[in-house]
Amino acid sequence: MNNELFMQGFFIFIIYLIFEFLETKYISKKDFKLKKAIKQGLMAYISFVIAILIYKEIEPMKIMNPVPRVFTSEPGF
């Protein structure tokens, strides 16, 4: 399995935590709950990893079943 996928997910997790902190602290003016933010960040991380893994499984199927060619012009015989 590719480590790049997990690194991308980790960066998404960190960016999510930063935006959640900024939104909670400065926009909503509420107390920042780290446990809740980490829980939601992990959900974003897991969702990203699963979505990419599913996409990588489906993508080769498109290559295996090419669209049949249809001739719309006059036959050459």
C-alpha atoms as a PDB file:
ATOM      1  CA  MET A   1       0.000   0.000   0.000  1.00  0.00           C
ATOM      2  CA  ASN A   2       1.151   3.491  -0.765  1.00  0.00           C
ATOM      3  CA  ASN A   3       2.372   5.655   2.141  1.00  0.00           C
ATOM      4  CA  GLU A   4       1.578   8.768   0.120  1.00  0.00           C
ATOM      5  CA  LEU A   5      -2.132   8.092   0.621  1.00  0.00           C
ATOM      6  CA  PHE A   6      -1.755   8.052   4.395  1.00  0.00           C
ATOM      7  CA  MET A   7       0.409  11.188   4.363  1.00  0.00           C
ATOM      8  CA  GLN A   8      -2.231  13.042   2.350  1.00  0.00           C
ATOM      9  CA  GLY A   9      -4.850  11.884   4.829  1.00  0.00           C
ATOM     10  CA  PHE A  10      -2.675  13.065   7.714  1.00  0.00           C
ATOM     11  CA  PHE A  11      -2.316  16.524   6.159  1.00  0.00           C
ATOM     12  CA  ILE A  12      -6.074  16.690   5.664  1.00  0.00           C
ATOM     13  CA  PHE A  13      -6.475  15.763   9.344  1.00  0.00           C
ATOM     14  CA  ILE A  14      -4.085  18.526  10.468  1.00  0.00           C
ATOM     15  CA  ILE A  15      -5.673  21.151   8.198  1.00  0.00           C
ATOM     16  CA  TYR A  16      -9.114  20.134   9.461  1.00  0.00           C
ATOM     17  CA  LEU A  17      -7.993  20.583  13.076  1.00  0.00           C
ATOM     18  CA  ILE A  18      -6.572  24.032  12.310  1.00  0.00           C
ATOM     19  CA  PHE A  19      -9.741  25.201  10.574  1.00  0.00           C
ATOM     20  CA  GLU A  20     -11.916  23.711  13.318  1.00  0.00           C
ATOM     21  CA  PHE A  21      -9.868  25.562  15.950  1.00  0.00           C
ATOM     22  CA  LEU A  22     -10.079  28.864  14.070  1.00  0.00           C
ATOM     23  CA  GLU A  23     -13.805  28.497  13.439  1.00  0.00           C
ATOM     24  CA  THR A  24     -14.612  27.533  17.028  1.00  0.00           C
ATOM     25  CA  LYS A  25     -12.367  30.050  18.743  1.00  0.00           C
ATOM     26  CA  TYR A  26     -12.771  33.148  16.570  1.00  0.00           C
ATOM     27  CA  ILE A  27     -15.995  32.820  14.585  1.00  0.00           C
ATOM     28  CA  SER A  28     -18.319  30.950  16.969  1.00  0.00           C
ATOM     29  CA  LYS A  29     -16.563  32.352  20.062  1.00  0.00           C
ATOM     30  CA  LYS A  30     -17.001  29.056  21.907  1.00  0.00           C
ATOM     31  CA  ASP A  31     -14.594  26.893  23.862  1.00  0.00           C
ATOM     32  CA  PHE A  32     -12.477  24.611  21.706  1.00  0.00           C
ATOM     33  CA  LYS A  33     -13.040  20.965  22.608  1.00  0.00           C
ATOM     34  CA  LEU A  34      -9.968  19.049  21.513  1.00  0.00           C
ATOM     35  CA  LYS A  35     -11.515  15.601  21.977  1.00  0.00           C
ATOM     36  CA  LYS A  36     -14.467  16.446  19.721  1.00  0.00           C
ATOM     37  CA  ALA A  37     -12.200  18.039  17.097  1.00  0.00           C
ATOM     38  CA  ILE A  38      -9.869  15.021  17.020  1.00  0.00           C
ATOM     39  CA  LYS A  39     -12.850  12.681  16.707  1.00  0.00           C
ATOM     40  CA  GLN A  40     -14.206  14.650  13.740  1.00  0.00           C
ATOM     41  CA  GLY A  41     -10.729  14.933  12.226  1.00  0.00           C
ATOM     42  CA  LEU A  42     -10.251  11.171  12.432  1.00  0.00           C
ATOM     43  CA  MET A  43     -13.602  10.708  10.709  1.00  0.00           C
ATOM     44  CA  ALA A  44     -12.403  12.990   7.902  1.00  0.00           C
ATOM     45  CA  TYR A  45      -9.116  11.052   7.697  1.00  0.00           C
ATOM     46  CA  ILE A  46     -10.828   7.658   7.581  1.00  0.00           C
ATOM     47  CA  SER A  47     -13.368   8.898   5.021  1.00  0.00           C
ATOM     48  CA  PHE A  48     -10.586  10.206   2.785  1.00  0.00           C
ATOM     49  CA  VAL A  49      -8.552   6.992   2.953  1.00  0.00           C
ATOM     50  CA  ILE A  50     -11.568   4.759   2.295  1.00  0.00           C
ATOM     51  CA  ALA A  51     -12.773   6.944  -0.585  1.00  0.00           C
ATOM     52  CA  ILE A  52      -9.363   6.869  -2.288  1.00  0.00           C
ATOM     53  CA  LEU A  53      -9.027   3.105  -1.803  1.00  0.00           C
ATOM     54  CA  ILE A  54     -12.479   2.522  -3.320  1.00  0.00           C
ATOM     55  CA  TYR A  55     -11.646   4.847  -6.209  1.00  0.00           C
ATOM     56  CA  LYS A  56      -8.414   2.955  -6.892  1.00  0.00           C
ATOM     57  CA  GLU A  57     -10.381  -0.321  -6.987  1.00  0.00           C
ATOM     58  CA  ILE A  58     -13.021   1.010  -9.396  1.00  0.00           C
ATOM     59  CA  GLU A  59     -10.653   2.858 -11.747  1.00  0.00           C
ATOM     60  CA  PRO A  60      -9.081  -0.280 -13.324  1.00  0.00           C
ATOM     61  CA  MET A  61     -12.564  -1.578 -14.158  1.00  0.00           C
ATOM     62  CA  LYS A  62     -13.083   1.326 -16.561  1.00  0.00           C
ATOM     63  CA  ILE A  63      -9.925   0.347 -18.429  1.00  0.00           C
ATOM     64  CA  MET A  64     -10.917  -3.338 -18.621  1.00  0.00           C
ATOM     65  CA  ASN A  65     -14.300  -2.675 -20.263  1.00  0.00           C
ATOM     66  CA  PRO A  66     -13.658  -0.235 -23.110  1.00  0.00           C
ATOM     67  CA  VAL A  67     -16.611   1.260 -24.918  1.00  0.00           C
ATOM     68  CA  PRO A  68     -17.297  -0.611 -28.173  1.00  0.00           C
ATOM     69  CA  ARG A  69     -16.615   1.404 -31.284  1.00  0.00           C
ATOM     70  CA  VAL A  70     -19.620   2.238 -33.425  1.00  0.00           C
ATOM     71  CA  PHE A  71     -19.175   3.030 -37.088  1.00  0.00           C
ATOM     72  CA  THR A  72     -21.592   5.652 -38.360  1.00  0.00           C
ATOM     73  CA  SER A  73     -20.133   6.215 -41.821  1.00  0.00           C
ATOM     74  CA  GLU A  74     -20.643   4.238 -45.023  1.00  0.00           C
ATOM     75  CA  PRO A  75     -18.930   0.839 -45.115  1.00  0.00           C
ATOM     76  CA  GLY A  76     -15.709   0.701 -47.096  1.00  0.00           C
ATOM     77  CA  PHE A  77     -16.628  -2.400 -49.136  1.00  0.00           C
END
